[in-house]
């Protein structure tokens, strides 16, 4: 949902979504790298304010205000050829 291109720019669904929101809010984003081992603690420690692209996981419910309805689902590892 988010990766760096060869120029170091963040691309993908999450940056596209956030950039669209920024058009209406005048928000500016700073992308902060993290890992799956530290992202919850980093968020709790205030290292960042927004976490984009987090999948639902029952064990993470205490940490996130998940929406009532799903925005969809995906299958990891699926590749398509054009």
PDB file of N, CA and C in Angstrom:
ATOM      1  N   UNK A   1       0.815  -1.193   0.000  1.00  0.00           N
ATOM      2  CA  UNK A   1       0.000   0.000   0.000  1.00  0.00           C
ATOM      3  C   UNK A   1       0.858   1.256   0.000  1.00  0.00           C
ATOM      4  N   UNK A   2       2.133   1.093   0.317  1.00  0.00           N
ATOM      5  CA  UNK A   2       3.036   2.240   0.324  1.00  0.00           C
ATOM      6  C   UNK A   2       4.454   1.733   0.125  1.00  0.00           C
ATOM      7  N   UNK A   3       5.145   2.327  -0.826  1.00  0.00           N
ATOM      8  CA  UNK A   3       6.540   1.980  -1.042  1.00  0.00           C
ATOM      9  C   UNK A   3       7.263   3.173  -1.628  1.00  0.00           C
ATOM     10  N   UNK A   4       8.574   3.113  -1.616  1.00  0.00           N
ATOM     11  CA  UNK A   4       9.373   4.189  -2.201  1.00  0.00           C
ATOM     12  C   UNK A   4       9.705   3.831  -3.645  1.00  0.00           C
ATOM     13  N   UNK A   5       9.630   4.835  -4.523  1.00  0.00           N
ATOM     14  CA  UNK A   5      10.060   4.612  -5.893  1.00  0.00           C
ATOM     15  C   UNK A   5      11.572   4.801  -5.988  1.00  0.00           C
ATOM     16  N   UNK A   6      12.125   4.676  -7.174  1.00  0.00           N
ATOM     17  CA  UNK A   6      13.577   4.752  -7.316  1.00  0.00           C
ATOM     18  C   UNK A   6      14.139   6.130  -7.008  1.00  0.00           C
ATOM     19  N   UNK A   7      13.257   7.139  -6.904  1.00  0.00           N
ATOM     20  CA  UNK A   7      13.684   8.501  -6.571  1.00  0.00           C
ATOM     21  C   UNK A   7      13.499   8.823  -5.093  1.00  0.00           C
ATOM     22  N   UNK A   8      13.009   7.853  -4.311  1.00  0.00           N
ATOM     23  CA  UNK A   8      12.808   8.070  -2.884  1.00  0.00           C
ATOM     24  C   UNK A   8      11.459   8.658  -2.524  1.00  0.00           C
ATOM     25  N   UNK A   9      10.550   8.768  -3.506  1.00  0.00           N
ATOM     26  CA  UNK A   9       9.201   9.288  -3.254  1.00  0.00           C
ATOM     27  C   UNK A   9       8.282   8.150  -2.828  1.00  0.00           C
ATOM     28  N   UNK A  10       7.424   8.437  -1.860  1.00  0.00           N
ATOM     29  CA  UNK A  10       6.459   7.432  -1.435  1.00  0.00           C
ATOM     30  C   UNK A  10       5.319   7.374  -2.446  1.00  0.00           C
ATOM     31  N   UNK A  11       4.961   6.156  -2.829  1.00  0.00           N
ATOM     32  CA  UNK A  11       3.892   5.933  -3.796  1.00  0.00           C
ATOM     33  C   UNK A  11       2.987   4.827  -3.299  1.00  0.00           C
ATOM     34  N   UNK A  12       1.820   4.744  -3.885  1.00  0.00           N
ATOM     35  CA  UNK A  12       0.890   3.677  -3.545  1.00  0.00           C
ATOM     36  C   UNK A  12      -0.432   4.220  -3.055  1.00  0.00           C
ATOM     37  N   UNK A  13      -1.303   3.320  -2.640  1.00  0.00           N
ATOM     38  CA  UNK A  13      -2.649   3.675  -2.225  1.00  0.00           C
ATOM     39  C   UNK A  13      -2.669   4.650  -1.049  1.00  0.00           C
ATOM     40  N   UNK A  14      -1.868   4.371  -0.023  1.00  0.00           N
ATOM     41  CA  UNK A  14      -1.884   5.232   1.159  1.00  0.00           C
ATOM     42  C   UNK A  14      -1.430   6.656   0.856  1.00  0.00           C
ATOM     43  N   UNK A  15      -0.281   6.864   0.192  1.00  0.00           N
ATOM     44  CA  UNK A  15       0.106   8.245  -0.145  1.00  0.00           C
ATOM     45  C   UNK A  15      -0.906   8.926  -1.071  1.00  0.00           C
ATOM     46  N   UNK A  16      -1.465   8.195  -2.020  1.00  0.00           N
ATOM     47  CA  UNK A  16      -2.478   8.783  -2.906  1.00  0.00           C
ATOM     48  C   UNK A  16      -3.684   9.271  -2.107  1.00  0.00           C
ATOM     49  N   UNK A  17      -4.136   8.442  -1.193  1.00  0.00           N
ATOM     50  CA  UNK A  17      -5.285   8.777  -0.351  1.00  0.00           C
ATOM     51  C   UNK A  17      -4.978   9.998   0.520  1.00  0.00           C
ATOM     52  N   UNK A  18      -3.821   9.983   1.179  1.00  0.00           N
ATOM     53  CA  UNK A  18      -3.449  11.102   2.049  1.00  0.00           C
ATOM     54  C   UNK A  18      -3.249  12.389   1.263  1.00  0.00           C
ATOM     55  N   UNK A  19      -2.655  12.300   0.086  1.00  0.00           N
ATOM     56  CA  UNK A  19      -2.453  13.497  -0.739  1.00  0.00           C
ATOM     57  C   UNK A  19      -3.774  14.082  -1.207  1.00  0.00           C
ATOM     58  N   UNK A  20      -4.749  13.249  -1.454  1.00  0.00           N
ATOM     59  CA  UNK A  20      -6.077  13.759  -1.833  1.00  0.00           C
ATOM     60  C   UNK A  20      -6.710  14.496  -0.655  1.00  0.00           C
ATOM     61  N   UNK A  21      -6.594  13.960   0.539  1.00  0.00           N
ATOM     62  CA  UNK A  21      -7.109  14.632   1.735  1.00  0.00           C
ATOM     63  C   UNK A  21      -6.412  15.977   1.916  1.00  0.00           C
ATOM     64  N   UNK A  22      -5.101  16.012   1.684  1.00  0.00           N
ATOM     65  CA  UNK A  22      -4.324  17.250   1.869  1.00  0.00           C
ATOM     66  C   UNK A  22      -4.800  18.370   0.957  1.00  0.00           C
ATOM     67  N   UNK A  23      -5.367  18.036  -0.195  1.00  0.00           N
ATOM     68  CA  UNK A  23      -5.888  19.065  -1.107  1.00  0.00           C
ATOM     69  C   UNK A  23      -6.992  19.884  -0.448  1.00  0.00           C
ATOM     70  N   UNK A  24      -7.726  19.277   0.460  1.00  0.00           N
ATOM     71  CA  UNK A  24      -8.868  19.936   1.099  1.00  0.00           C
ATOM     72  C   UNK A  24      -8.556  20.469   2.491  1.00  0.00           C
ATOM     73  N   UNK A  25      -7.489  19.957   3.098  1.00  0.00           N
ATOM     74  CA  UNK A  25      -7.192  20.320   4.484  1.00  0.00           C
ATOM     75  C   UNK A  25      -5.938  21.177   4.626  1.00  0.00           C
ATOM     76  N   UNK A  26      -5.156  21.269   3.553  1.00  0.00           N
ATOM     77  CA  UNK A  26      -3.854  21.950   3.577  1.00  0.00           C
ATOM     78  C   UNK A  26      -2.876  21.297   4.544  1.00  0.00           C
ATOM     79  N   UNK A  27      -3.076  20.013   4.812  1.00  0.00           N
ATOM     80  CA  UNK A  27      -2.153  19.278   5.660  1.00  0.00           C
ATOM     81  C   UNK A  27      -0.888  18.968   4.873  1.00  0.00           C
ATOM     82  N   UNK A  28       0.221  18.877   5.597  1.00  0.00           N
ATOM     83  CA  UNK A  28       1.482  18.411   5.026  1.00  0.00           C
ATOM     84  C   UNK A  28       1.901  17.169   5.801  1.00  0.00           C
ATOM     85  N   UNK A  29       2.445  16.198   5.098  1.00  0.00           N
ATOM     86  CA  UNK A  29       2.819  14.940   5.728  1.00  0.00           C
ATOM     87  C   UNK A  29       4.322  14.755   5.715  1.00  0.00           C
ATOM     88  N   UNK A  30       4.801  14.132   6.759  1.00  0.00           N
ATOM     89  CA  UNK A  30       6.176  13.665   6.812  1.00  0.00           C
ATOM     90  C   UNK A  30       6.080  12.151   7.008  1.00  0.00           C
ATOM     91  N   UNK A  31       6.619  11.399   6.076  1.00  0.00           N
ATOM     92  CA  UNK A  31       6.566   9.950   6.178  1.00  0.00           C
ATOM     93  C   UNK A  31       7.685   9.476   7.095  1.00  0.00           C
ATOM     94  N   UNK A  32       7.313   8.682   8.091  1.00  0.00           N
ATOM     95  CA  UNK A  32       8.252   8.211   9.098  1.00  0.00           C
ATOM     96  C   UNK A  32       8.339   6.692   8.978  1.00  0.00           C
ATOM     97  N   UNK A  33       9.509   6.170   8.602  1.00  0.00           N
ATOM     98  CA  UNK A  33       9.634   4.715   8.491  1.00  0.00           C
ATOM     99  C   UNK A  33       9.504   4.039   9.850  1.00  0.00           C
ATOM    100  N   UNK A  34       8.927   2.852   9.846  1.00  0.00           N
ATOM    101  CA  UNK A  34       8.792   2.057  11.061  1.00  0.00           C
ATOM    102  C   UNK A  34       8.840   0.591  10.676  1.00  0.00           C
ATOM    103  N   UNK A  35       8.722  -0.276  11.635  1.00  0.00           N
ATOM    104  CA  UNK A  35       8.714  -1.710  11.359  1.00  0.00           C
ATOM    105  C   UNK A  35       7.487  -2.331  12.009  1.00  0.00           C
ATOM    106  N   UNK A  36       7.182  -3.546  11.595  1.00  0.00           N
ATOM    107  CA  UNK A  36       6.042  -4.243  12.193  1.00  0.00           C
ATOM    108  C   UNK A  36       6.297  -4.564  13.659  1.00  0.00           C
ATOM    109  N   UNK A  37       7.543  -4.576  14.069  1.00  0.00           N
ATOM    110  CA  UNK A  37       7.877  -4.853  15.468  1.00  0.00           C
ATOM    111  C   UNK A  37       7.708  -3.633  16.373  1.00  0.00           C
ATOM    112  N   UNK A  38       7.799  -2.425  15.812  1.00  0.00           N
ATOM    113  CA  UNK A  38       7.813  -1.224  16.652  1.00  0.00           C
ATOM    114  C   UNK A  38       6.695  -0.228  16.382  1.00  0.00           C
ATOM    115  N   UNK A  39       5.856  -0.451  15.353  1.00  0.00           N
ATOM    116  CA  UNK A  39       4.912   0.601  14.970  1.00  0.00           C
ATOM    117  C   UNK A  39       3.904   0.957  16.048  1.00  0.00           C
ATOM    118  N   UNK A  40       3.449  -0.004  16.832  1.00  0.00           N
ATOM    119  CA  UNK A  40       2.472   0.313  17.886  1.00  0.00           C
ATOM    120  C   UNK A  40       3.121   1.167  18.967  1.00  0.00           C
ATOM    121  N   UNK A  41       4.295   0.774  19.404  1.00  0.00           N
ATOM    122  CA  UNK A  41       4.987   1.556  20.431  1.00  0.00           C
ATOM    123  C   UNK A  41       5.383   2.926  19.897  1.00  0.00           C
ATOM    124  N   UNK A  42       5.840   2.991  18.642  1.00  0.00           N
ATOM    125  CA  UNK A  42       6.189   4.283  18.035  1.00  0.00           C
ATOM    126  C   UNK A  42       4.977   5.214  18.007  1.00  0.00           C
ATOM    127  N   UNK A  43       3.816   4.682  17.660  1.00  0.00           N
ATOM    128  CA  UNK A  43       2.586   5.484  17.638  1.00  0.00           C
ATOM    129  C   UNK A  43       2.236   5.944  19.053  1.00  0.00           C
ATOM    130  N   UNK A  44       2.311   5.035  20.011  1.00  0.00           N
ATOM    131  CA  UNK A  44       2.013   5.382  21.412  1.00  0.00           C
ATOM    132  C   UNK A  44       2.991   6.416  21.949  1.00  0.00           C
ATOM    133  N   UNK A  45       4.235   6.370  21.480  1.00  0.00           N
ATOM    134  CA  UNK A  45       5.259   7.322  21.921  1.00  0.00           C
ATOM    135  C   UNK A  45       5.174   8.667  21.210  1.00  0.00           C
ATOM    136  N   UNK A  46       4.236   8.800  20.286  1.00  0.00           N
ATOM    137  CA  UNK A  46       4.048  10.074  19.598  1.00  0.00           C
ATOM    138  C   UNK A  46       5.044  10.337  18.478  1.00  0.00           C
ATOM    139  N   UNK A  47       5.682   9.293  17.963  1.00  0.00           N
ATOM    140  CA  UNK A  47       6.624   9.488  16.858  1.00  0.00           C
ATOM    141  C   UNK A  47       5.903   9.872  15.569  1.00  0.00           C
ATOM    142  N   UNK A  48       4.622   9.594  15.503  1.00  0.00           N
ATOM    143  CA  UNK A  48       3.780  10.017  14.380  1.00  0.00           C
ATOM    144  C   UNK A  48       2.332  10.071  14.841  1.00  0.00           C
ATOM    145  N   UNK A  49       1.513  10.772  14.048  1.00  0.00           N
ATOM    146  CA  UNK A  49       0.113  11.002  14.415  1.00  0.00           C
ATOM    147  C   UNK A  49      -0.874  10.143  13.647  1.00  0.00           C
ATOM    148  N   UNK A  50      -0.483   9.709  12.460  1.00  0.00           N
ATOM    149  CA  UNK A  50      -1.381   8.951  11.591  1.00  0.00           C
ATOM    150  C   UNK A  50      -0.655   7.695  11.149  1.00  0.00           C
ATOM    151  N   UNK A  51      -1.363   6.598  11.152  1.00  0.00           N
ATOM    152  CA  UNK A  51      -0.811   5.344  10.660  1.00  0.00           C
ATOM    153  C   UNK A  51      -1.644   4.924   9.466  1.00  0.00           C
ATOM    154  N   UNK A  52      -1.052   4.924   8.294  1.00  0.00           N
ATOM    155  CA  UNK A  52      -1.787   4.574   7.089  1.00  0.00           C
ATOM    156  C   UNK A  52      -1.593   3.125   6.709  1.00  0.00           C
ATOM    157  N   UNK A  53      -2.609   2.543   6.126  1.00  0.00           N
ATOM    158  CA  UNK A  53      -2.491   1.206   5.583  1.00  0.00           C
ATOM    159  C   UNK A  53      -2.418   0.092   6.605  1.00  0.00           C
ATOM    160  N   UNK A  54      -3.009   0.255   7.762  1.00  0.00           N
ATOM    161  CA  UNK A  54      -2.995  -0.805   8.774  1.00  0.00           C
ATOM    162  C   UNK A  54      -4.164  -1.749   8.537  1.00  0.00           C
ATOM    163  N   UNK A  55      -3.862  -3.023   8.434  1.00  0.00           N
ATOM    164  CA  UNK A  55      -4.909  -4.025   8.274  1.00  0.00           C
ATOM    165  C   UNK A  55      -5.541  -4.325   9.622  1.00  0.00           C
ATOM    166  N   UNK A  56      -6.797  -4.775   9.576  1.00  0.00           N
ATOM    167  CA  UNK A  56      -7.492  -5.155  10.799  1.00  0.00           C
ATOM    168  C   UNK A  56      -6.866  -6.425  11.376  1.00  0.00           C
ATOM    169  N   UNK A  57      -6.638  -6.395  12.649  1.00  0.00           N
ATOM    170  CA  UNK A  57      -6.205  -7.579  13.386  1.00  0.00           C
ATOM    171  C   UNK A  57      -6.849  -7.514  14.762  1.00  0.00           C
ATOM    172  N   UNK A  58      -7.520  -8.564  15.147  1.00  0.00           N
ATOM    173  CA  UNK A  58      -8.246  -8.593  16.422  1.00  0.00           C
ATOM    174  C   UNK A  58      -7.351  -8.193  17.593  1.00  0.00           C
ATOM    175  N   UNK A  59      -6.096  -8.659  17.588  1.00  0.00           N
ATOM    176  CA  UNK A  59      -5.196  -8.360  18.705  1.00  0.00           C
ATOM    177  C   UNK A  59      -4.777  -6.895  18.768  1.00  0.00           C
ATOM    178  N   UNK A  60      -5.039  -6.136  17.695  1.00  0.00           N
ATOM    179  CA  UNK A  60      -4.694  -4.707  17.687  1.00  0.00           C
ATOM    180  C   UNK A  60      -5.872  -3.800  18.062  1.00  0.00           C
ATOM    181  N   UNK A  61      -7.040  -4.371  18.299  1.00  0.00           N
ATOM    182  CA  UNK A  61      -8.214  -3.560  18.642  1.00  0.00           C
ATOM    183  C   UNK A  61      -7.997  -2.620  19.824  1.00  0.00           C
ATOM    184  N   UNK A  62      -7.221  -3.009  20.837  1.00  0.00           N
ATOM    185  CA  UNK A  62      -7.010  -2.066  21.953  1.00  0.00           C
ATOM    186  C   UNK A  62      -6.245  -0.806  21.552  1.00  0.00           C
ATOM    187  N   UNK A  63      -5.551  -0.857  20.429  1.00  0.00           N
ATOM    188  CA  UNK A  63      -4.696   0.254  20.029  1.00  0.00           C
ATOM    189  C   UNK A  63      -5.309   1.161  18.963  1.00  0.00           C
ATOM    190  N   UNK A  64      -6.297   0.661  18.213  1.00  0.00           N
ATOM    191  CA  UNK A  64      -6.826   1.403  17.069  1.00  0.00           C
ATOM    192  C   UNK A  64      -8.331   1.595  17.166  1.00  0.00           C
ATOM    193  N   UNK A  65      -8.790   2.709  16.630  1.00  0.00           N
ATOM    194  CA  UNK A  65     -10.224   2.968  16.523  1.00  0.00           C
ATOM    195  C   UNK A  65     -10.655   2.512  15.121  1.00  0.00           C
ATOM    196  N   UNK A  66     -10.797   1.205  14.965  1.00  0.00           N
ATOM    197  CA  UNK A  66     -11.191   0.661  13.667  1.00  0.00           C
ATOM    198  C   UNK A  66     -12.588   1.152  13.297  1.00  0.00           C
ATOM    199  N   UNK A  67     -12.840   1.399  12.007  1.00  0.00           N
ATOM    200  CA  UNK A  67     -14.178   1.801  11.591  1.00  0.00           C
ATOM    201  C   UNK A  67     -15.149   0.625  11.722  1.00  0.00           C
ATOM    202  N   UNK A  68     -16.425   0.948  11.788  1.00  0.00           N
ATOM    203  CA  UNK A  68     -17.450  -0.090  11.917  1.00  0.00           C
ATOM    204  C   UNK A  68     -17.529  -0.955  10.667  1.00  0.00           C
ATOM    205  N   UNK A  69     -17.308  -0.340   9.495  1.00  0.00           N
ATOM    206  CA  UNK A  69     -17.426  -1.068   8.240  1.00  0.00           C
ATOM    207  C   UNK A  69     -16.077  -1.141   7.532  1.00  0.00           C
ATOM    208  N   UNK A  70     -15.830  -2.244   6.862  1.00  0.00           N
ATOM    209  CA  UNK A  70     -14.587  -2.460   6.141  1.00  0.00           C
ATOM    210  C   UNK A  70     -14.568  -1.655   4.848  1.00  0.00           C
ATOM    211  N   UNK A  71     -13.367  -1.181   4.459  1.00  0.00           N
ATOM    212  CA  UNK A  71     -13.225  -0.496   3.171  1.00  0.00           C
ATOM    213  C   UNK A  71     -12.938  -1.490   2.054  1.00  0.00           C
ATOM    214  N   UNK A  72     -12.795  -2.744   2.391  1.00  0.00           N
ATOM    215  CA  UNK A  72     -12.530  -3.776   1.399  1.00  0.00           C
ATOM    216  C   UNK A  72     -11.495  -4.752   1.908  1.00  0.00           C
ATOM    217  N   UNK A  73     -11.075  -5.626   1.057  1.00  0.00           N
ATOM    218  CA  UNK A  73     -10.065  -6.599   1.435  1.00  0.00           C
ATOM    219  C   UNK A  73      -9.142  -6.840   0.251  1.00  0.00           C
ATOM    220  N   UNK A  74      -8.025  -7.460   0.516  1.00  0.00           N
ATOM    221  CA  UNK A  74      -7.070  -7.767  -0.539  1.00  0.00           C
ATOM    222  C   UNK A  74      -6.398  -9.087  -0.215  1.00  0.00           C
ATOM    223  N   UNK A  75      -5.647  -9.557  -1.169  1.00  0.00           N
ATOM    224  CA  UNK A  75      -4.901 -10.796  -0.979  1.00  0.00           C
ATOM    225  C   UNK A  75      -3.431 -10.488  -1.190  1.00  0.00           C
ATOM    226  N   UNK A  76      -2.646 -10.642  -0.165  1.00  0.00           N
ATOM    227  CA  UNK A  76      -1.220 -10.395  -0.277  1.00  0.00           C
ATOM    228  C   UNK A  76      -0.533 -11.423  -1.161  1.00  0.00           C
ATOM    229  N   UNK A  77       0.475 -10.984  -1.882  1.00  0.00           N
ATOM    230  CA  UNK A  77       1.243 -11.900  -2.695  1.00  0.00           C
ATOM    231  C   UNK A  77       0.660 -12.195  -4.059  1.00  0.00           C
ATOM    232  N   UNK A  78      -0.465 -11.592  -4.398  1.00  0.00           N
ATOM    233  CA  UNK A  78      -1.066 -11.822  -5.700  1.00  0.00           C
ATOM    234  C   UNK A  78      -0.435 -10.862  -6.717  1.00  0.00           C
ATOM    235  N   UNK A  79       0.044 -11.400  -7.807  1.00  0.00           N
ATOM    236  CA  UNK A  79       0.682 -10.599  -8.845  1.00  0.00           C
ATOM    237  C   UNK A  79      -0.044 -10.800 -10.162  1.00  0.00           C
ATOM    238  N   UNK A  80      -0.097  -9.750 -10.960  1.00  0.00           N
ATOM    239  CA  UNK A  80      -0.763  -9.811 -12.246  1.00  0.00           C
ATOM    240  C   UNK A  80       0.192  -9.403 -13.340  1.00  0.00           C
ATOM    241  N   UNK A  81       0.062 -10.008 -14.496  1.00  0.00           N
ATOM    242  CA  UNK A  81       0.847  -9.602 -15.660  1.00  0.00           C
ATOM    243  C   UNK A  81      -0.047  -8.810 -16.591  1.00  0.00           C
ATOM    244  N   UNK A  82       0.512  -7.772 -17.177  1.00  0.00           N
ATOM    245  CA  UNK A  82      -0.261  -6.965 -18.129  1.00  0.00           C
ATOM    246  C   UNK A  82      -0.199  -7.583 -19.500  1.00  0.00           C
TER     247      UNK A  82
END
